[in-house]
Amino acid sequence: MNEGEEPKFCPKKMTLEGKCSVTGGFDCAVEFLGKYGASAMPSHCTCKDLPHHQRLCHCDIICR
């Protein structure tokens, strides 16, 4: 990415243990930060409960 160029975001998903909390989108952003680092700049994060005590996190992160 060149200076002054807008970053390009790509959708990413992660399946995690447990159910979504009240702050599900924020919790997903924290999970993405832990996996990809701050340079990924996760945004527009959502959390969806799945069967078998799992959750699906979806965030847009900077494409690599």
N, C-alpha and C. Protein backbone atom coordinates (compact mmCIF):
# COMPACT_ATOMS: atom_id res chain seq x y z
N MET A 1 0.84 -1.17 0.00
CA MET A 1 0.00 0.00 0.00
C MET A 1 0.89 1.24 0.00
N ASN A 2 0.63 2.16 -0.90
CA ASN A 2 1.40 3.39 -1.00
C ASN A 2 0.82 4.47 -0.09
N GLU A 3 1.64 5.44 0.24
CA GLU A 3 1.21 6.54 1.08
C GLU A 3 0.02 7.25 0.44
N GLY A 4 -1.00 7.53 1.24
CA GLY A 4 -2.19 8.20 0.75
C GLY A 4 -3.20 7.27 0.09
N GLU A 5 -2.83 6.02 -0.10
CA GLU A 5 -3.72 5.05 -0.72
C GLU A 5 -4.64 4.45 0.34
N GLU A 6 -5.93 4.33 0.03
CA GLU A 6 -6.88 3.73 0.96
C GLU A 6 -6.62 2.23 1.06
N PRO A 7 -6.65 1.69 2.27
CA PRO A 7 -6.45 0.24 2.40
C PRO A 7 -7.64 -0.52 1.82
N LYS A 8 -7.37 -1.70 1.29
CA LYS A 8 -8.43 -2.56 0.77
C LYS A 8 -8.78 -3.60 1.83
N PHE A 9 -10.07 -3.73 2.13
CA PHE A 9 -10.52 -4.67 3.15
C PHE A 9 -11.11 -5.91 2.49
N CYS A 10 -10.86 -7.06 3.11
CA CYS A 10 -11.39 -8.34 2.64
C CYS A 10 -12.15 -9.01 3.79
N PRO A 11 -13.24 -9.69 3.50
CA PRO A 11 -13.98 -10.39 4.55
C PRO A 11 -13.25 -11.65 5.01
N LYS A 12 -13.25 -11.87 6.31
CA LYS A 12 -12.65 -13.07 6.89
C LYS A 12 -13.60 -13.64 7.93
N LYS A 13 -13.58 -14.96 8.08
CA LYS A 13 -14.41 -15.63 9.08
C LYS A 13 -13.54 -16.52 9.95
N MET A 14 -13.98 -16.68 11.20
CA MET A 14 -13.33 -17.61 12.12
C MET A 14 -14.42 -18.30 12.94
N THR A 15 -14.32 -19.61 13.10
CA THR A 15 -15.22 -20.34 13.97
C THR A 15 -14.49 -20.57 15.29
N LEU A 16 -15.17 -20.18 16.38
CA LEU A 16 -14.55 -20.24 17.70
C LEU A 16 -15.46 -20.98 18.68
N GLU A 17 -14.89 -21.43 19.78
CA GLU A 17 -15.65 -22.08 20.83
C GLU A 17 -16.48 -21.05 21.59
N GLY A 18 -17.61 -21.48 22.11
CA GLY A 18 -18.45 -20.63 22.95
C GLY A 18 -19.50 -19.88 22.16
N LYS A 19 -20.38 -19.25 22.89
CA LYS A 19 -21.47 -18.47 22.29
C LYS A 19 -21.10 -16.98 22.25
N CYS A 20 -21.80 -16.23 21.41
CA CYS A 20 -21.58 -14.78 21.33
C CYS A 20 -22.01 -14.12 22.63
N SER A 21 -21.29 -13.12 23.04
CA SER A 21 -21.66 -12.35 24.22
C SER A 21 -22.47 -11.13 23.77
N VAL A 22 -22.87 -10.31 24.73
CA VAL A 22 -23.60 -9.08 24.41
C VAL A 22 -22.76 -8.18 23.52
N THR A 23 -21.44 -8.22 23.70
CA THR A 23 -20.53 -7.40 22.89
C THR A 23 -19.86 -8.27 21.82
N GLY A 24 -20.63 -9.14 21.18
CA GLY A 24 -20.11 -10.12 20.24
C GLY A 24 -19.21 -9.56 19.15
N GLY A 25 -19.62 -8.45 18.52
CA GLY A 25 -18.81 -7.86 17.47
C GLY A 25 -17.46 -7.38 17.99
N PHE A 26 -17.47 -6.78 19.17
CA PHE A 26 -16.22 -6.32 19.78
C PHE A 26 -15.33 -7.52 20.13
N ASP A 27 -15.94 -8.56 20.69
CA ASP A 27 -15.18 -9.75 21.04
C ASP A 27 -14.55 -10.37 19.80
N CYS A 28 -15.27 -10.36 18.70
CA CYS A 28 -14.71 -10.89 17.45
C CYS A 28 -13.53 -10.05 16.98
N ALA A 29 -13.64 -8.73 17.09
CA ALA A 29 -12.53 -7.86 16.71
C ALA A 29 -11.28 -8.19 17.53
N VAL A 30 -11.46 -8.45 18.82
CA VAL A 30 -10.34 -8.80 19.70
C VAL A 30 -9.71 -10.13 19.24
N GLU A 31 -10.55 -11.10 18.87
CA GLU A 31 -10.03 -12.39 18.38
C GLU A 31 -9.21 -12.20 17.10
N PHE A 32 -9.71 -11.36 16.19
CA PHE A 32 -8.98 -11.09 14.94
C PHE A 32 -7.68 -10.36 15.21
N LEU A 33 -7.69 -9.43 16.16
CA LEU A 33 -6.45 -8.74 16.53
C LEU A 33 -5.43 -9.73 17.07
N GLY A 34 -5.89 -10.68 17.88
CA GLY A 34 -4.99 -11.68 18.42
C GLY A 34 -4.38 -12.57 17.35
N LYS A 35 -5.17 -12.89 16.33
CA LYS A 35 -4.67 -13.79 15.28
C LYS A 35 -3.85 -13.06 14.22
N TYR A 36 -4.30 -11.87 13.80
CA TYR A 36 -3.67 -11.20 12.66
C TYR A 36 -2.85 -9.96 13.05
N GLY A 37 -2.99 -9.46 14.28
CA GLY A 37 -2.26 -8.28 14.71
C GLY A 37 -3.00 -7.00 14.38
N ALA A 38 -2.54 -5.91 14.96
CA ALA A 38 -3.19 -4.61 14.82
C ALA A 38 -3.19 -4.10 13.38
N SER A 39 -2.20 -4.51 12.59
CA SER A 39 -2.13 -4.04 11.20
C SER A 39 -3.30 -4.54 10.35
N ALA A 40 -4.01 -5.56 10.83
CA ALA A 40 -5.17 -6.08 10.09
C ALA A 40 -6.36 -5.12 10.18
N MET A 41 -6.38 -4.28 11.20
CA MET A 41 -7.44 -3.28 11.40
C MET A 41 -8.84 -3.87 11.23
N PRO A 42 -9.23 -4.88 12.03
CA PRO A 42 -10.55 -5.48 11.88
C PRO A 42 -11.67 -4.45 12.06
N SER A 43 -12.66 -4.52 11.18
CA SER A 43 -13.80 -3.60 11.27
C SER A 43 -15.06 -4.32 10.82
N HIS A 44 -16.20 -3.71 11.11
CA HIS A 44 -17.52 -4.26 10.77
C HIS A 44 -17.66 -5.71 11.24
N CYS A 45 -17.26 -5.97 12.47
CA CYS A 45 -17.29 -7.33 13.00
C CYS A 45 -18.67 -7.72 13.51
N THR A 46 -19.03 -8.97 13.25
CA THR A 46 -20.29 -9.52 13.73
C THR A 46 -20.03 -10.89 14.31
N CYS A 47 -20.95 -11.32 15.16
CA CYS A 47 -20.87 -12.64 15.78
C CYS A 47 -22.20 -13.34 15.59
N LYS A 48 -22.15 -14.62 15.23
CA LYS A 48 -23.36 -15.42 15.04
C LYS A 48 -23.19 -16.73 15.78
N ASP A 49 -24.18 -17.06 16.63
CA ASP A 49 -24.14 -18.32 17.35
C ASP A 49 -24.35 -19.49 16.39
N LEU A 50 -23.59 -20.55 16.60
CA LEU A 50 -23.70 -21.78 15.83
C LEU A 50 -24.08 -22.92 16.77
N PRO A 51 -24.50 -24.05 16.22
CA PRO A 51 -24.78 -25.21 17.08
C PRO A 51 -23.50 -25.71 17.76
N HIS A 52 -23.67 -26.56 18.75
CA HIS A 52 -22.56 -27.23 19.43
C HIS A 52 -21.64 -26.26 20.16
N HIS A 53 -22.23 -25.22 20.75
CA HIS A 53 -21.49 -24.26 21.58
C HIS A 53 -20.31 -23.63 20.83
N GLN A 54 -20.59 -23.20 19.60
CA GLN A 54 -19.59 -22.49 18.81
C GLN A 54 -20.18 -21.19 18.29
N ARG A 55 -19.30 -20.30 17.82
CA ARG A 55 -19.74 -19.03 17.25
C ARG A 55 -18.94 -18.73 16.00
N LEU A 56 -19.56 -17.99 15.09
CA LEU A 56 -18.90 -17.59 13.85
C LEU A 56 -18.62 -16.09 13.92
N CYS A 57 -17.36 -15.74 13.86
CA CYS A 57 -16.97 -14.33 13.83
C CYS A 57 -16.66 -13.94 12.39
N HIS A 58 -17.15 -12.78 12.00
CA HIS A 58 -16.91 -12.27 10.66
C HIS A 58 -16.44 -10.83 10.80
N CYS A 59 -15.28 -10.51 10.24
CA CYS A 59 -14.75 -9.15 10.23
C CYS A 59 -14.16 -8.85 8.86
N ASP A 60 -14.13 -7.58 8.51
CA ASP A 60 -13.37 -7.13 7.36
C ASP A 60 -11.98 -6.75 7.87
N ILE A 61 -10.95 -7.29 7.22
CA ILE A 61 -9.58 -6.94 7.60
C ILE A 61 -8.81 -6.51 6.36
N ILE A 62 -7.69 -5.82 6.57
CA ILE A 62 -6.86 -5.37 5.45
C ILE A 62 -6.34 -6.59 4.69
N CYS A 63 -6.53 -6.60 3.40
CA CYS A 63 -6.09 -7.71 2.54
C CYS A 63 -4.57 -7.77 2.53
N ARG A 64 -4.05 -8.97 2.45
CA ARG A 64 -2.59 -9.17 2.41
C ARG A 64 -2.21 -9.93 1.18
